[in-house]
Amino acid sequence: MKYKETKFLLNFNKEREQTKMKMNVITICLAVATMLTGVCVAANTSIDFEGAAVGTNNAADQIGGRLTTWGNNPGGTYDANIADDPAAGSSGETMYLANQDDMLLYLGSLTNIQEIDWTTAATTATGTVNISYDIYAGNGYAYWNVQSSNLNSNDWSIEIEYGKDGTGNTNKSGIYYYIGDINNYTESENVVFNQWVTVEQVLNIDDGTYTMKLDDVEVLSLGSSDGFTYYDGLLGIDFYGYDADSDYYVDNIAFNLETTVPEPMTMAFLGLGGLMLRRKK
């Protein structure tokens, strides 16, 4: 059955009045959607920084929820800054990362998105996570990794250095990436500087595959044959100001989890629907 995007959305829109920032949580895993598609979008969440107070080491401290720091210490040394939008002619607030700023976007336990337990930090062990965000690289480069297994560990499925060439020089139109001990490089004209670029990543935990697009152009497609693995599952994305050359902004983060519903369950829902229609006659 072809996927049809359901319009039946249950919106848990949560906004902090003191900062007027948006952190929208939408759950659209409804029985009707499951019946129509066989695909359950269990969590659809977006985070932006509009209305947050500009300042130092205050991003996670203001946003909270699934955005925290390495070591889970919002407001501490690793917390990123809230800054004005750097693009010419733009206004609004965004998250800025420089040397040693270290932010964790927790993507574990997405089937139970309202409950976050940082003491256990369970992974998301099945399904497909779609995540997108906007990146603005200044005169250096941007770094992030896909975190697996344990929070604050070095179990990374992949490390991305956006804006580096094959020899590690910064401010170059390429992506230097690491999978375990394997270093790779790909050049892309979509790696640009001093302007916003949309990064889209599809993390298929069931198939063990990873794809990344920049402004709708695919630049990476990886799987087990490339040495790629999610280890024990997906835990999150780590945005890191790796060194003194780190210079980038992140905004408009959005992610969801898709899981496929087993066919017998779909048929059961259809059977229930038929009974309901029969009762109305």
C-alpha atoms as a PDB file:
ATOM      1  CA  MET A   1       0.000   0.000   0.000  1.00  0.00           C
ATOM      2  CA  LYS A   2       1.421   3.368  -0.966  1.00  0.00           C
ATOM      3  CA  TYR A   3       2.235   5.851   1.753  1.00  0.00           C
ATOM      4  CA  LYS A   4      -0.309   8.624   2.068  1.00  0.00           C
ATOM      5  CA  GLU A   5       0.456  11.500   4.327  1.00  0.00           C
ATOM      6  CA  THR A   6      -2.199  11.652   6.999  1.00  0.00           C
ATOM      7  CA  LYS A   7      -3.812  14.921   7.962  1.00  0.00           C
ATOM      8  CA  PHE A   8      -4.894  13.565  11.314  1.00  0.00           C
ATOM      9  CA  LEU A   9      -2.392  15.276  13.582  1.00  0.00           C
ATOM     10  CA  LEU A  10      -2.523  15.415  17.335  1.00  0.00           C
ATOM     11  CA  ASN A  11      -0.510  18.491  18.155  1.00  0.00           C
ATOM     12  CA  PHE A  12       1.173  18.839  21.514  1.00  0.00           C
ATOM     13  CA  ASN A  13       2.472  22.362  20.963  1.00  0.00           C
ATOM     14  CA  LYS A  14       4.615  23.395  23.910  1.00  0.00           C
ATOM     15  CA  GLU A  15       5.988  26.930  24.177  1.00  0.00           C
ATOM     16  CA  ARG A  16       7.905  28.639  26.959  1.00  0.00           C
ATOM     17  CA  GLU A  17       6.354  32.040  27.538  1.00  0.00           C
ATOM     18  CA  GLN A  18       9.476  33.558  29.032  1.00  0.00           C
ATOM     19  CA  THR A  19      11.471  33.122  25.811  1.00  0.00           C
ATOM     20  CA  LYS A  20       8.689  32.648  23.251  1.00  0.00           C
ATOM     21  CA  MET A  21      10.774  29.915  21.600  1.00  0.00           C
ATOM     22  CA  LYS A  22       9.080  27.060  19.817  1.00  0.00           C
ATOM     23  CA  MET A  23       9.448  23.437  20.734  1.00  0.00           C
ATOM     24  CA  ASN A  24       6.636  21.635  18.983  1.00  0.00           C
ATOM     25  CA  VAL A  25       5.843  18.024  19.677  1.00  0.00           C
ATOM     26  CA  ILE A  26       3.388  16.304  17.368  1.00  0.00           C
ATOM     27  CA  THR A  27       2.307  12.708  17.707  1.00  0.00           C
ATOM     28  CA  ILE A  28       0.594  11.329  14.635  1.00  0.00           C
ATOM     29  CA  CYS A  29       0.571   7.619  15.342  1.00  0.00           C
ATOM     30  CA  LEU A  30      -3.204   7.315  15.081  1.00  0.00           C
ATOM     31  CA  ALA A  31      -5.087   4.160  14.303  1.00  0.00           C
ATOM     32  CA  VAL A  32      -6.590   5.792  11.199  1.00  0.00           C
ATOM     33  CA  ALA A  33      -3.135   6.710   9.882  1.00  0.00           C
ATOM     34  CA  THR A  34      -1.892   3.186  10.538  1.00  0.00           C
ATOM     35  CA  MET A  35      -4.834   1.720   8.664  1.00  0.00           C
ATOM     36  CA  LEU A  36      -4.202   3.904   5.633  1.00  0.00           C
ATOM     37  CA  THR A  37      -0.443   3.626   5.406  1.00  0.00           C
ATOM     38  CA  GLY A  38       1.093   0.802   7.414  1.00  0.00           C
ATOM     39  CA  VAL A  39       3.635   3.402   8.529  1.00  0.00           C
ATOM     40  CA  CYS A  40       3.486   4.990  11.957  1.00  0.00           C
ATOM     41  CA  VAL A  41       5.157   8.371  12.453  1.00  0.00           C
ATOM     42  CA  ALA A  42       5.583   8.089  16.195  1.00  0.00           C
ATOM     43  CA  ALA A  43       7.113  11.464  16.891  1.00  0.00           C
ATOM     44  CA  ASN A  44       7.467  14.668  14.936  1.00  0.00           C
ATOM     45  CA  THR A  45       9.327  17.402  16.758  1.00  0.00           C
ATOM     46  CA  SER A  46      10.774  20.782  15.820  1.00  0.00           C
ATOM     47  CA  ILE A  47      13.046  23.138  17.734  1.00  0.00           C
ATOM     48  CA  ASP A  48      13.961  26.657  16.778  1.00  0.00           C
ATOM     49  CA  PHE A  49      15.529  29.479  18.740  1.00  0.00           C
ATOM     50  CA  GLU A  50      13.292  32.368  17.762  1.00  0.00           C
ATOM     51  CA  GLY A  51      12.683  34.636  20.739  1.00  0.00           C
ATOM     52  CA  ALA A  52      15.435  33.139  22.896  1.00  0.00           C
ATOM     53  CA  ALA A  53      17.574  35.634  24.796  1.00  0.00           C
ATOM     54  CA  VAL A  54      20.912  36.342  23.132  1.00  0.00           C
ATOM     55  CA  GLY A  55      23.751  35.385  25.455  1.00  0.00           C
ATOM     56  CA  THR A  56      26.662  33.097  26.307  1.00  0.00           C
ATOM     57  CA  ASN A  57      26.365  29.420  27.308  1.00  0.00           C
ATOM     58  CA  ASN A  58      22.593  29.622  27.412  1.00  0.00           C
ATOM     59  CA  ALA A  59      21.126  27.588  24.514  1.00  0.00           C
ATOM     60  CA  ALA A  60      20.286  24.325  26.312  1.00  0.00           C
ATOM     61  CA  ASP A  61      19.536  26.292  29.472  1.00  0.00           C
ATOM     62  CA  GLN A  62      16.669  28.031  27.656  1.00  0.00           C
ATOM     63  CA  ILE A  63      15.429  25.304  25.310  1.00  0.00           C
ATOM     64  CA  GLY A  64      15.711  22.219  27.530  1.00  0.00           C
ATOM     65  CA  GLY A  65      13.879  19.017  26.647  1.00  0.00           C
ATOM     66  CA  ARG A  66      15.831  16.926  24.156  1.00  0.00           C
ATOM     67  CA  LEU A  67      18.535  19.554  23.681  1.00  0.00           C
ATOM     68  CA  THR A  68      21.256  19.451  26.320  1.00  0.00           C
ATOM     69  CA  THR A  69      25.048  19.607  26.631  1.00  0.00           C
ATOM     70  CA  TRP A  70      27.757  16.978  26.817  1.00  0.00           C
ATOM     71  CA  GLY A  71      27.546  15.878  30.443  1.00  0.00           C
ATOM     72  CA  ASN A  72      23.941  17.170  30.639  1.00  0.00           C
ATOM     73  CA  ASN A  73      24.825  20.498  32.256  1.00  0.00           C
ATOM     74  CA  PRO A  74      22.709  23.249  30.648  1.00  0.00           C
ATOM     75  CA  GLY A  75      24.149  26.684  31.335  1.00  0.00           C
ATOM     76  CA  GLY A  76      27.602  25.206  31.889  1.00  0.00           C
ATOM     77  CA  THR A  77      30.862  25.484  29.973  1.00  0.00           C
ATOM     78  CA  TYR A  78      29.764  23.300  27.052  1.00  0.00           C
ATOM     79  CA  ASP A  79      26.453  25.098  26.474  1.00  0.00           C
ATOM     80  CA  ALA A  80      26.306  26.926  23.137  1.00  0.00           C
ATOM     81  CA  ASN A  81      25.447  30.592  22.695  1.00  0.00           C
ATOM     82  CA  ILE A  82      22.221  32.139  21.501  1.00  0.00           C
ATOM     83  CA  ALA A  83      23.159  34.662  18.799  1.00  0.00           C
ATOM     84  CA  ASP A  84      21.533  36.898  16.238  1.00  0.00           C
ATOM     85  CA  ASP A  85      20.999  35.413  12.783  1.00  0.00           C
ATOM     86  CA  PRO A  86      24.289  36.028  10.910  1.00  0.00           C
ATOM     87  CA  ALA A  87      22.803  36.138   7.404  1.00  0.00           C
ATOM     88  CA  ALA A  88      22.688  39.571   5.821  1.00  0.00           C
ATOM     89  CA  GLY A  89      19.225  41.090   5.967  1.00  0.00           C
ATOM     90  CA  SER A  90      17.926  38.409   8.331  1.00  0.00           C
ATOM     91  CA  SER A  91      16.614  38.766  11.836  1.00  0.00           C
ATOM     92  CA  GLY A  92      15.902  36.387  14.675  1.00  0.00           C
ATOM     93  CA  GLU A  93      17.894  34.175  17.001  1.00  0.00           C
ATOM     94  CA  THR A  94      19.889  31.008  16.383  1.00  0.00           C
ATOM     95  CA  MET A  95      22.329  28.653  18.144  1.00  0.00           C
ATOM     96  CA  TYR A  96      26.048  29.384  17.657  1.00  0.00           C
ATOM     97  CA  LEU A  97      28.867  26.886  18.284  1.00  0.00           C
ATOM     98  CA  ALA A  98      32.543  27.778  18.579  1.00  0.00           C
ATOM     99  CA  ASN A  99      35.584  26.139  20.189  1.00  0.00           C
ATOM    100  CA  GLN A 100      34.559  23.434  22.724  1.00  0.00           C
ATOM    101  CA  ASP A 101      30.810  24.162  22.712  1.00  0.00           C
ATOM    102  CA  ASP A 102      29.203  20.721  22.807  1.00  0.00           C
ATOM    103  CA  MET A 103      25.476  20.161  22.338  1.00  0.00           C
ATOM    104  CA  LEU A 104      23.566  16.878  22.371  1.00  0.00           C
ATOM    105  CA  LEU A 105      20.234  16.383  20.623  1.00  0.00           C
ATOM    106  CA  TYR A 106      18.784  13.290  22.300  1.00  0.00           C
ATOM    107  CA  LEU A 107      17.052  10.984  19.797  1.00  0.00           C
ATOM    108  CA  GLY A 108      16.709   7.953  22.057  1.00  0.00           C
ATOM    109  CA  SER A 109      13.329   6.591  23.217  1.00  0.00           C
ATOM    110  CA  LEU A 110      11.459   8.438  20.474  1.00  0.00           C
ATOM    111  CA  THR A 111       8.420   6.217  20.896  1.00  0.00           C
ATOM    112  CA  ASN A 112       7.967   7.827  24.310  1.00  0.00           C
ATOM    113  CA  ILE A 113       8.996  11.361  23.433  1.00  0.00           C
ATOM    114  CA  GLN A 114       7.439  13.073  26.437  1.00  0.00           C
ATOM    115  CA  GLU A 115       9.604  11.155  28.924  1.00  0.00           C
ATOM    116  CA  ILE A 116      13.358  11.752  28.890  1.00  0.00           C
ATOM    117  CA  ASP A 117      15.479   9.946  31.448  1.00  0.00           C
ATOM    118  CA  TRP A 118      19.053  11.215  31.227  1.00  0.00           C
ATOM    119  CA  THR A 119      20.230   8.643  33.777  1.00  0.00           C
ATOM    120  CA  THR A 120      19.554   5.709  31.440  1.00  0.00           C
ATOM    121  CA  ALA A 121      19.460   7.453  28.045  1.00  0.00           C
ATOM    122  CA  ALA A 122      17.924   4.518  26.208  1.00  0.00           C
ATOM    123  CA  THR A 123      18.515   4.260  22.464  1.00  0.00           C
ATOM    124  CA  THR A 124      15.989   4.128  19.651  1.00  0.00           C
ATOM    125  CA  ALA A 125      16.615   0.566  18.451  1.00  0.00           C
ATOM    126  CA  THR A 126      14.235   0.254  15.493  1.00  0.00           C
ATOM    127  CA  GLY A 127      12.631   2.316  12.752  1.00  0.00           C
ATOM    128  CA  THR A 128      13.837   5.216  10.614  1.00  0.00           C
ATOM    129  CA  VAL A 129      14.711   8.626  12.032  1.00  0.00           C
ATOM    130  CA  ASN A 130      14.455  11.573   9.657  1.00  0.00           C
ATOM    131  CA  ILE A 131      16.251  14.684  10.869  1.00  0.00           C
ATOM    132  CA  SER A 132      16.883  18.044   9.264  1.00  0.00           C
ATOM    133  CA  TYR A 133      18.411  21.328  10.376  1.00  0.00           C
ATOM    134  CA  ASP A 134      19.913  24.450   8.887  1.00  0.00           C
ATOM    135  CA  ILE A 135      23.679  25.018   9.058  1.00  0.00           C
ATOM    136  CA  TYR A 136      25.480  28.316   8.561  1.00  0.00           C
ATOM    137  CA  ALA A 137      29.258  27.860   8.416  1.00  0.00           C
ATOM    138  CA  GLY A 138      31.309  31.004   8.860  1.00  0.00           C
ATOM    139  CA  ASN A 139      35.011  31.094   8.072  1.00  0.00           C
ATOM    140  CA  GLY A 140      35.818  27.724   9.628  1.00  0.00           C
ATOM    141  CA  TYR A 141      33.877  24.469   9.550  1.00  0.00           C
ATOM    142  CA  ALA A 142      30.989  22.639  11.225  1.00  0.00           C
ATOM    143  CA  TYR A 143      31.207  19.302  13.038  1.00  0.00           C
ATOM    144  CA  TRP A 144      28.568  16.835  14.166  1.00  0.00           C
ATOM    145  CA  ASN A 145      28.378  13.101  14.783  1.00  0.00           C
ATOM    146  CA  VAL A 146      25.705  10.427  15.000  1.00  0.00           C
ATOM    147  CA  GLN A 147      25.865   9.083  18.545  1.00  0.00           C
ATOM    148  CA  SER A 148      25.129   5.444  19.328  1.00  0.00           C
ATOM    149  CA  SER A 149      24.985   3.227  22.421  1.00  0.00           C
ATOM    150  CA  ASN A 150      25.770   5.244  25.559  1.00  0.00           C
ATOM    151  CA  LEU A 151      25.314   8.949  26.187  1.00  0.00           C
ATOM    152  CA  ASN A 152      28.615  10.841  26.348  1.00  0.00           C
ATOM    153  CA  SER A 153      30.514   7.853  24.920  1.00  0.00           C
ATOM    154  CA  ASN A 154      32.714   7.595  21.842  1.00  0.00           C
ATOM    155  CA  ASP A 155      30.424   5.114  20.057  1.00  0.00           C
ATOM    156  CA  TRP A 156      29.878   7.218  16.956  1.00  0.00           C
ATOM    157  CA  SER A 157      28.284   5.771  13.840  1.00  0.00           C
ATOM    158  CA  ILE A 158      29.741   8.600  11.763  1.00  0.00           C
ATOM    159  CA  GLU A 159      31.555  11.898  12.294  1.00  0.00           C
ATOM    160  CA  ILE A 160      30.971  14.737   9.830  1.00  0.00           C
ATOM    161  CA  GLU A 161      33.285  17.687   9.239  1.00  0.00           C
ATOM    162  CA  TYR A 162      31.438  20.072   6.962  1.00  0.00           C
ATOM    163  CA  GLY A 163      33.816  22.456   5.190  1.00  0.00           C
ATOM    164  CA  LYS A 164      37.048  20.437   5.113  1.00  0.00           C
ATOM    165  CA  ASP A 165      39.023  18.971   2.225  1.00  0.00           C
ATOM    166  CA  GLY A 166      40.804  15.626   1.958  1.00  0.00           C
ATOM    167  CA  THR A 167      43.869  16.880   3.838  1.00  0.00           C
ATOM    168  CA  GLY A 168      41.895  18.472   6.671  1.00  0.00           C
ATOM    169  CA  ASN A 169      42.091  22.091   5.503  1.00  0.00           C
ATOM    170  CA  THR A 170      39.100  24.161   6.606  1.00  0.00           C
ATOM    171  CA  ASN A 171      36.838  26.526   4.688  1.00  0.00           C
ATOM    172  CA  LYS A 172      36.779  24.118   1.726  1.00  0.00           C
ATOM    173  CA  SER A 173      33.826  22.818  -0.318  1.00  0.00           C
ATOM    174  CA  GLY A 174      33.897  19.276   0.936  1.00  0.00           C
ATOM    175  CA  ILE A 175      32.909  16.864   3.678  1.00  0.00           C
ATOM    176  CA  TYR A 176      35.516  14.917   5.618  1.00  0.00           C
ATOM    177  CA  TYR A 177      33.874  12.015   7.440  1.00  0.00           C
ATOM    178  CA  TYR A 178      34.932   9.201   9.742  1.00  0.00           C
ATOM    179  CA  ILE A 179      33.436   5.740  10.194  1.00  0.00           C
ATOM    180  CA  GLY A 180      35.355   4.065  12.968  1.00  0.00           C
ATOM    181  CA  ASP A 181      39.005   4.164  11.918  1.00  0.00           C
ATOM    182  CA  ILE A 182      38.134   4.798   8.254  1.00  0.00           C
ATOM    183  CA  ASN A 183      38.574   8.356   7.000  1.00  0.00           C
ATOM    184  CA  ASN A 184      36.826   9.493   3.826  1.00  0.00           C
ATOM    185  CA  TYR A 185      36.315  12.653   1.821  1.00  0.00           C
ATOM    186  CA  THR A 186      33.697  13.796  -0.666  1.00  0.00           C
ATOM    187  CA  GLU A 187      33.648  17.105  -2.514  1.00  0.00           C
ATOM    188  CA  SER A 188      30.374  18.947  -2.980  1.00  0.00           C
ATOM    189  CA  GLU A 189      29.469  22.311  -4.442  1.00  0.00           C
ATOM    190  CA  ASN A 190      26.605  22.351  -1.939  1.00  0.00           C
ATOM    191  CA  VAL A 191      29.087  22.891   0.897  1.00  0.00           C
ATOM    192  CA  VAL A 192      29.024  26.678   1.094  1.00  0.00           C
ATOM    193  CA  PHE A 193      29.989  29.340   3.589  1.00  0.00           C
ATOM    194  CA  ASN A 194      28.335  32.429   5.033  1.00  0.00           C
ATOM    195  CA  GLN A 195      24.895  31.299   3.974  1.00  0.00           C
ATOM    196  CA  TRP A 196      22.296  28.859   5.303  1.00  0.00           C
ATOM    197  CA  VAL A 197      22.181  25.278   4.007  1.00  0.00           C
ATOM    198  CA  THR A 198      19.572  22.658   4.907  1.00  0.00           C
ATOM    199  CA  VAL A 199      21.016  19.332   6.057  1.00  0.00           C
ATOM    200  CA  GLU A 200      18.723  16.298   5.791  1.00  0.00           C
ATOM    201  CA  GLN A 201      19.702  12.913   7.209  1.00  0.00           C
ATOM    202  CA  VAL A 202      17.823   9.613   6.997  1.00  0.00           C
ATOM    203  CA  LEU A 203      18.954   7.123   9.638  1.00  0.00           C
ATOM    204  CA  ASN A 204      17.443   3.715   8.900  1.00  0.00           C
ATOM    205  CA  ILE A 205      18.230   1.705  12.005  1.00  0.00           C
ATOM    206  CA  ASP A 206      16.566  -1.471  10.706  1.00  0.00           C
ATOM    207  CA  ASP A 207      18.587  -1.554   7.470  1.00  0.00           C
ATOM    208  CA  GLY A 208      21.732  -0.064   9.006  1.00  0.00           C
ATOM    209  CA  THR A 209      21.922   2.664   6.379  1.00  0.00           C
ATOM    210  CA  TYR A 210      22.586   6.400   6.430  1.00  0.00           C
ATOM    211  CA  THR A 211      21.991   9.075   3.802  1.00  0.00           C
ATOM    212  CA  MET A 212      22.622  12.812   3.886  1.00  0.00           C
ATOM    213  CA  LYS A 213      21.460  15.605   1.612  1.00  0.00           C
ATOM    214  CA  LEU A 214      22.499  19.254   1.381  1.00  0.00           C
ATOM    215  CA  ASP A 215      19.756  21.456  -0.046  1.00  0.00           C
ATOM    216  CA  ASP A 216      18.018  18.363  -1.509  1.00  0.00           C
ATOM    217  CA  VAL A 217      21.202  17.032  -3.165  1.00  0.00           C
ATOM    218  CA  GLU A 218      22.420  13.657  -1.874  1.00  0.00           C
ATOM    219  CA  VAL A 219      26.076  13.784  -0.812  1.00  0.00           C
ATOM    220  CA  LEU A 220      26.412  10.612   1.296  1.00  0.00           C
ATOM    221  CA  SER A 221      24.820   7.163   1.126  1.00  0.00           C
ATOM    222  CA  LEU A 222      26.358   4.561   3.446  1.00  0.00           C
ATOM    223  CA  GLY A 223      25.680   1.063   4.718  1.00  0.00           C
ATOM    224  CA  SER A 224      27.275  -1.987   6.288  1.00  0.00           C
ATOM    225  CA  SER A 225      29.554  -2.516   3.265  1.00  0.00           C
ATOM    226  CA  ASP A 226      31.093   0.871   4.116  1.00  0.00           C
ATOM    227  CA  GLY A 227      31.641  -0.153   7.731  1.00  0.00           C
ATOM    228  CA  PHE A 228      28.637   1.861   8.912  1.00  0.00           C
ATOM    229  CA  THR A 229      26.755   0.612  11.995  1.00  0.00           C
ATOM    230  CA  TYR A 230      24.369   1.913  14.636  1.00  0.00           C
ATOM    231  CA  TYR A 231      25.903  -0.403  17.281  1.00  0.00           C
ATOM    232  CA  ASP A 232      23.109  -0.773  19.890  1.00  0.00           C
ATOM    233  CA  GLY A 233      20.803   1.811  18.303  1.00  0.00           C
ATOM    234  CA  LEU A 234      20.538   5.555  17.817  1.00  0.00           C
ATOM    235  CA  LEU A 235      21.099   7.910  20.732  1.00  0.00           C
ATOM    236  CA  GLY A 236      21.403  11.365  19.181  1.00  0.00           C
ATOM    237  CA  ILE A 237      23.299  14.011  17.250  1.00  0.00           C
ATOM    238  CA  ASP A 238      26.299  15.701  18.852  1.00  0.00           C
ATOM    239  CA  PHE A 239      26.986  19.231  17.580  1.00  0.00           C
ATOM    240  CA  TYR A 240      30.515  20.060  18.640  1.00  0.00           C
ATOM    241  CA  GLY A 241      32.818  23.069  18.393  1.00  0.00           C
ATOM    242  CA  TYR A 242      35.745  20.745  17.786  1.00  0.00           C
ATOM    243  CA  ASP A 243      38.591  23.268  17.851  1.00  0.00           C
ATOM    244  CA  ALA A 244      39.528  26.904  17.269  1.00  0.00           C
ATOM    245  CA  ASP A 245      38.511  26.621  13.586  1.00  0.00           C
ATOM    246  CA  SER A 246      34.929  25.685  14.484  1.00  0.00           C
ATOM    247  CA  ASP A 247      32.534  28.454  13.494  1.00  0.00           C
ATOM    248  CA  TYR A 248      28.907  27.616  12.729  1.00  0.00           C
ATOM    249  CA  TYR A 249      25.250  28.165  13.541  1.00  0.00           C
ATOM    250  CA  VAL A 250      22.387  25.655  13.786  1.00  0.00           C
ATOM    251  CA  ASP A 251      18.676  26.385  13.520  1.00  0.00           C
ATOM    252  CA  ASN A 252      15.270  24.922  12.601  1.00  0.00           C
ATOM    253  CA  ILE A 253      15.899  21.419  13.906  1.00  0.00           C
ATOM    254  CA  ALA A 254      13.171  18.912  13.002  1.00  0.00           C
ATOM    255  CA  PHE A 255      12.999  15.146  13.399  1.00  0.00           C
ATOM    256  CA  ASN A 256      10.607  12.219  13.462  1.00  0.00           C
ATOM    257  CA  LEU A 257      10.595   8.464  13.848  1.00  0.00           C
ATOM    258  CA  GLU A 258       8.918   6.177  11.314  1.00  0.00           C
ATOM    259  CA  THR A 259       8.128   2.582  12.187  1.00  0.00           C
ATOM    260  CA  THR A 260       6.436   0.027   9.967  1.00  0.00           C
ATOM    261  CA  VAL A 261       3.339  -1.589  11.434  1.00  0.00           C
ATOM    262  CA  PRO A 262       3.148  -5.384  10.956  1.00  0.00           C
ATOM    263  CA  GLU A 263       0.504  -6.389   8.431  1.00  0.00           C
ATOM    264  CA  PRO A 264      -1.636  -8.428  10.884  1.00  0.00           C
ATOM    265  CA  MET A 265      -2.047  -5.346  13.047  1.00  0.00           C
ATOM    266  CA  THR A 266      -3.068  -3.300  10.024  1.00  0.00           C
ATOM    267  CA  MET A 267      -5.642  -5.914   9.102  1.00  0.00           C
ATOM    268  CA  ALA A 268      -6.934  -5.915  12.663  1.00  0.00           C
ATOM    269  CA  PHE A 269      -7.504  -2.162  12.483  1.00  0.00           C
ATOM    270  CA  LEU A 270      -9.280  -2.575   9.162  1.00  0.00           C
ATOM    271  CA  GLY A 271     -11.468  -5.267  10.697  1.00  0.00           C
ATOM    272  CA  LEU A 272     -12.392  -2.962  13.572  1.00  0.00           C
ATOM    273  CA  GLY A 273     -13.226  -0.240  11.089  1.00  0.00           C
ATOM    274  CA  GLY A 274     -15.511  -2.602   9.200  1.00  0.00           C
ATOM    275  CA  LEU A 275     -17.340  -3.550  12.379  1.00  0.00           C
ATOM    276  CA  MET A 276     -17.864   0.105  13.221  1.00  0.00           C
ATOM    277  CA  LEU A 277     -19.323   0.813   9.794  1.00  0.00           C
ATOM    278  CA  ARG A 278     -21.584  -2.236  10.066  1.00  0.00           C
ATOM    279  CA  ARG A 279     -22.958  -1.085  13.419  1.00  0.00           C
ATOM    280  CA  LYS A 280     -24.012   2.236  11.887  1.00  0.00           C
ATOM    281  CA  LYS A 281     -26.320   0.617   9.317  1.00  0.00           C
END
